[in-house]
Amino acid sequence: MRDMDSGTRSQLRRLYNAVRRATRAPETERQHEFVMLRARLAYTIARHGLRSLDQLERLLLQVTRKNDARGYERFRDLFEAIVAYNE
């Protein structure tokens, strides 16, 4: 993932901002926000060929199925670490 161009990094930042917004959503809407985020992540992976993020997409699926507030926050923390690594 170190060889990403600036456009791909911008996409990753946009996804991270969406993760942050979804985490802050009201509890009744949080699962829906993360389901929509999964669709955006899948599109970004396919569009930019970021197969290294496939595991992240699978993890997001598991988190969404459990619908646990702590799981959402842990996912956000993991995504934040990925973004920081690629800066």
N, C-alpha and C. Protein backbone atom coordinates (compact mmCIF):
# COMPACT_ATOMS: atom_id res chain seq x y z
N MET A 1 0.81 -1.19 0.00
CA MET A 1 0.00 0.00 0.00
C MET A 1 0.86 1.26 0.00
N ARG A 2 2.13 1.12 0.21
CA ARG A 2 3.01 2.28 0.24
C ARG A 2 3.13 2.97 -1.11
N ASP A 3 2.87 2.27 -2.20
CA ASP A 3 3.06 2.85 -3.52
C ASP A 3 1.80 3.50 -4.07
N MET A 4 0.90 3.94 -3.19
CA MET A 4 -0.33 4.59 -3.65
C MET A 4 -0.03 5.98 -4.18
N ASP A 5 -0.76 6.38 -5.19
CA ASP A 5 -0.62 7.74 -5.68
C ASP A 5 -1.49 8.67 -4.84
N SER A 6 -1.37 9.98 -5.07
CA SER A 6 -2.07 10.95 -4.25
C SER A 6 -3.59 10.84 -4.40
N GLY A 7 -4.07 10.46 -5.59
CA GLY A 7 -5.50 10.29 -5.80
C GLY A 7 -6.07 9.16 -4.96
N THR A 8 -5.33 8.08 -4.86
CA THR A 8 -5.77 6.95 -4.06
C THR A 8 -5.73 7.31 -2.58
N ARG A 9 -4.74 8.05 -2.17
CA ARG A 9 -4.68 8.50 -0.78
C ARG A 9 -5.86 9.41 -0.46
N SER A 10 -6.25 10.22 -1.42
CA SER A 10 -7.41 11.09 -1.22
C SER A 10 -8.67 10.24 -1.04
N GLN A 11 -8.80 9.19 -1.83
CA GLN A 11 -9.95 8.30 -1.68
C GLN A 11 -9.95 7.65 -0.30
N LEU A 12 -8.78 7.24 0.15
CA LEU A 12 -8.66 6.62 1.47
C LEU A 12 -9.05 7.61 2.56
N ARG A 13 -8.64 8.87 2.42
CA ARG A 13 -9.02 9.91 3.39
C ARG A 13 -10.53 10.13 3.36
N ARG A 14 -11.13 10.16 2.19
CA ARG A 14 -12.58 10.34 2.10
C ARG A 14 -13.31 9.19 2.78
N LEU A 15 -12.82 7.98 2.58
CA LEU A 15 -13.43 6.83 3.25
C LEU A 15 -13.28 6.94 4.76
N TYR A 16 -12.13 7.40 5.20
CA TYR A 16 -11.92 7.57 6.64
C TYR A 16 -12.87 8.61 7.21
N ASN A 17 -13.07 9.70 6.50
CA ASN A 17 -14.02 10.71 6.96
C ASN A 17 -15.43 10.14 7.03
N ALA A 18 -15.78 9.28 6.08
CA ALA A 18 -17.09 8.63 6.10
C ALA A 18 -17.21 7.68 7.29
N VAL A 19 -16.12 7.00 7.63
CA VAL A 19 -16.11 6.12 8.80
C VAL A 19 -16.34 6.94 10.06
N ARG A 20 -15.68 8.06 10.17
CA ARG A 20 -15.85 8.93 11.34
C ARG A 20 -17.30 9.43 11.45
N ARG A 21 -17.87 9.84 10.31
CA ARG A 21 -19.26 10.31 10.33
C ARG A 21 -20.21 9.18 10.73
N ALA A 22 -19.97 7.98 10.20
CA ALA A 22 -20.83 6.84 10.52
C ALA A 22 -20.72 6.48 12.00
N THR A 23 -19.55 6.61 12.58
CA THR A 23 -19.36 6.31 13.99
C THR A 23 -20.13 7.29 14.86
N ARG A 24 -20.21 8.54 14.42
CA ARG A 24 -20.92 9.56 15.19
C ARG A 24 -22.42 9.59 14.93
N ALA A 25 -22.90 8.79 14.02
CA ALA A 25 -24.34 8.77 13.70
C ALA A 25 -25.13 8.26 14.90
N PRO A 26 -26.39 8.67 15.00
CA PRO A 26 -27.23 8.14 16.08
C PRO A 26 -27.27 6.61 16.03
N GLU A 27 -27.42 6.02 17.19
CA GLU A 27 -27.34 4.56 17.29
C GLU A 27 -28.35 3.85 16.38
N THR A 28 -29.49 4.45 16.16
CA THR A 28 -30.51 3.82 15.33
C THR A 28 -30.12 3.82 13.85
N GLU A 29 -29.25 4.71 13.44
CA GLU A 29 -28.85 4.82 12.03
C GLU A 29 -27.44 4.31 11.76
N ARG A 30 -26.73 3.96 12.81
CA ARG A 30 -25.31 3.60 12.66
C ARG A 30 -25.09 2.40 11.76
N GLN A 31 -25.89 1.36 11.93
CA GLN A 31 -25.71 0.16 11.11
C GLN A 31 -25.94 0.49 9.64
N HIS A 32 -26.96 1.27 9.35
CA HIS A 32 -27.23 1.65 7.96
C HIS A 32 -26.06 2.44 7.38
N GLU A 33 -25.50 3.35 8.15
CA GLU A 33 -24.36 4.14 7.69
C GLU A 33 -23.17 3.24 7.36
N PHE A 34 -22.93 2.23 8.18
CA PHE A 34 -21.80 1.33 7.93
C PHE A 34 -22.07 0.40 6.76
N VAL A 35 -23.31 0.03 6.54
CA VAL A 35 -23.63 -0.78 5.36
C VAL A 35 -23.36 0.03 4.10
N MET A 36 -23.76 1.29 4.10
CA MET A 36 -23.50 2.15 2.94
C MET A 36 -22.00 2.39 2.77
N LEU A 37 -21.30 2.49 3.87
CA LEU A 37 -19.85 2.66 3.83
C LEU A 37 -19.19 1.44 3.20
N ARG A 38 -19.72 0.27 3.49
CA ARG A 38 -19.17 -0.96 2.90
C ARG A 38 -19.29 -0.93 1.38
N ALA A 39 -20.40 -0.40 0.89
CA ALA A 39 -20.58 -0.28 -0.56
C ALA A 39 -19.56 0.69 -1.14
N ARG A 40 -19.33 1.81 -0.47
CA ARG A 40 -18.33 2.77 -0.94
C ARG A 40 -16.93 2.17 -0.93
N LEU A 41 -16.64 1.41 0.12
CA LEU A 41 -15.33 0.77 0.22
C LEU A 41 -15.15 -0.25 -0.90
N ALA A 42 -16.16 -1.03 -1.17
CA ALA A 42 -16.08 -2.02 -2.26
C ALA A 42 -15.84 -1.33 -3.60
N TYR A 43 -16.54 -0.23 -3.83
CA TYR A 43 -16.36 0.52 -5.07
C TYR A 43 -14.93 1.06 -5.19
N THR A 44 -14.42 1.63 -4.11
CA THR A 44 -13.06 2.19 -4.12
C THR A 44 -12.03 1.10 -4.36
N ILE A 45 -12.21 -0.05 -3.74
CA ILE A 45 -11.29 -1.17 -3.92
C ILE A 45 -11.27 -1.60 -5.39
N ALA A 46 -12.45 -1.73 -5.97
CA ALA A 46 -12.54 -2.17 -7.37
C ALA A 46 -12.01 -1.10 -8.32
N ARG A 47 -12.34 0.13 -8.08
CA ARG A 47 -11.95 1.23 -8.97
C ARG A 47 -10.45 1.45 -9.00
N HIS A 48 -9.82 1.39 -7.83
CA HIS A 48 -8.39 1.69 -7.75
C HIS A 48 -7.53 0.43 -7.63
N GLY A 49 -8.15 -0.73 -7.68
CA GLY A 49 -7.38 -1.97 -7.62
C GLY A 49 -6.66 -2.16 -6.30
N LEU A 50 -7.28 -1.78 -5.21
CA LEU A 50 -6.66 -1.87 -3.89
C LEU A 50 -7.00 -3.20 -3.23
N ARG A 51 -6.56 -4.27 -3.82
CA ARG A 51 -6.87 -5.60 -3.30
C ARG A 51 -6.34 -5.79 -1.88
N SER A 52 -5.38 -4.99 -1.46
CA SER A 52 -4.85 -5.11 -0.11
C SER A 52 -5.89 -4.70 0.93
N LEU A 53 -6.97 -4.01 0.51
CA LEU A 53 -8.03 -3.60 1.43
C LEU A 53 -9.19 -4.59 1.47
N ASP A 54 -9.08 -5.71 0.77
CA ASP A 54 -10.14 -6.71 0.80
C ASP A 54 -10.41 -7.22 2.21
N GLN A 55 -9.36 -7.42 2.98
CA GLN A 55 -9.52 -7.89 4.36
C GLN A 55 -10.29 -6.88 5.20
N LEU A 56 -10.03 -5.61 4.93
CA LEU A 56 -10.74 -4.54 5.63
C LEU A 56 -12.23 -4.58 5.30
N GLU A 57 -12.54 -4.86 4.06
CA GLU A 57 -13.94 -4.97 3.66
C GLU A 57 -14.62 -6.14 4.37
N ARG A 58 -13.93 -7.25 4.49
CA ARG A 58 -14.50 -8.41 5.19
C ARG A 58 -14.71 -8.11 6.67
N LEU A 59 -13.77 -7.40 7.25
CA LEU A 59 -13.90 -7.01 8.65
C LEU A 59 -15.09 -6.08 8.83
N LEU A 60 -15.28 -5.16 7.92
CA LEU A 60 -16.42 -4.25 7.99
C LEU A 60 -17.73 -5.03 7.91
N LEU A 61 -17.78 -6.06 7.10
CA LEU A 61 -18.97 -6.90 7.01
C LEU A 61 -19.27 -7.55 8.35
N GLN A 62 -18.25 -8.08 9.01
CA GLN A 62 -18.44 -8.71 10.31
C GLN A 62 -18.92 -7.71 11.35
N VAL A 63 -18.32 -6.53 11.35
CA VAL A 63 -18.70 -5.50 12.31
C VAL A 63 -20.15 -5.09 12.10
N THR A 64 -20.54 -4.94 10.85
CA THR A 64 -21.91 -4.52 10.54
C THR A 64 -22.91 -5.59 10.96
N ARG A 65 -22.57 -6.84 10.76
CA ARG A 65 -23.48 -7.92 11.16
C ARG A 65 -23.69 -7.97 12.66
N LYS A 66 -22.63 -7.72 13.44
CA LYS A 66 -22.74 -7.75 14.91
C LYS A 66 -23.48 -6.53 15.44
N ASN A 67 -23.35 -5.39 14.76
CA ASN A 67 -24.01 -4.15 15.15
C ASN A 67 -23.69 -3.78 16.60
N ASP A 68 -22.41 -3.74 16.91
CA ASP A 68 -21.93 -3.43 18.25
C ASP A 68 -21.20 -2.09 18.23
N ALA A 69 -21.55 -1.17 19.11
CA ALA A 69 -20.94 0.16 19.12
C ALA A 69 -19.43 0.07 19.31
N ARG A 70 -18.98 -0.81 20.17
CA ARG A 70 -17.54 -0.96 20.40
C ARG A 70 -16.83 -1.46 19.13
N GLY A 71 -17.47 -2.34 18.40
CA GLY A 71 -16.90 -2.85 17.15
C GLY A 71 -16.74 -1.74 16.12
N TYR A 72 -17.72 -0.84 16.05
CA TYR A 72 -17.64 0.28 15.12
C TYR A 72 -16.46 1.19 15.47
N GLU A 73 -16.29 1.43 16.76
CA GLU A 73 -15.19 2.30 17.18
C GLU A 73 -13.84 1.65 16.95
N ARG A 74 -13.76 0.36 17.16
CA ARG A 74 -12.50 -0.36 16.88
C ARG A 74 -12.18 -0.34 15.39
N PHE A 75 -13.22 -0.49 14.56
CA PHE A 75 -13.01 -0.41 13.11
C PHE A 75 -12.50 0.98 12.74
N ARG A 76 -13.09 2.02 13.33
CA ARG A 76 -12.64 3.38 13.07
C ARG A 76 -11.16 3.54 13.46
N ASP A 77 -10.77 3.02 14.61
CA ASP A 77 -9.38 3.11 15.06
C ASP A 77 -8.43 2.40 14.09
N LEU A 78 -8.84 1.23 13.62
CA LEU A 78 -8.02 0.48 12.66
C LEU A 78 -7.87 1.27 11.36
N PHE A 79 -8.98 1.83 10.88
CA PHE A 79 -8.95 2.60 9.64
C PHE A 79 -8.07 3.83 9.81
N GLU A 80 -8.14 4.46 10.97
CA GLU A 80 -7.30 5.62 11.26
C GLU A 80 -5.82 5.24 11.20
N ALA A 81 -5.48 4.07 11.72
CA ALA A 81 -4.09 3.60 11.68
C ALA A 81 -3.64 3.37 10.24
N ILE A 82 -4.51 2.83 9.41
CA ILE A 82 -4.18 2.59 8.00
C ILE A 82 -3.92 3.90 7.28
N VAL A 83 -4.78 4.88 7.52
CA VAL A 83 -4.61 6.19 6.90
C VAL A 83 -3.30 6.84 7.36
N ALA A 84 -3.03 6.76 8.66
CA ALA A 84 -1.80 7.35 9.19
C ALA A 84 -0.56 6.68 8.60
N TYR A 85 -0.62 5.37 8.41
CA TYR A 85 0.50 4.63 7.85
C TYR A 85 0.79 5.08 6.42
N ASN A 86 -0.26 5.44 5.70
CA ASN A 86 -0.09 5.82 4.30
C ASN A 86 0.16 7.29 4.08
N GLU A 87 0.24 8.06 5.13
CA GLU A 87 0.52 9.51 4.97
C GLU A 87 1.96 9.77 4.71
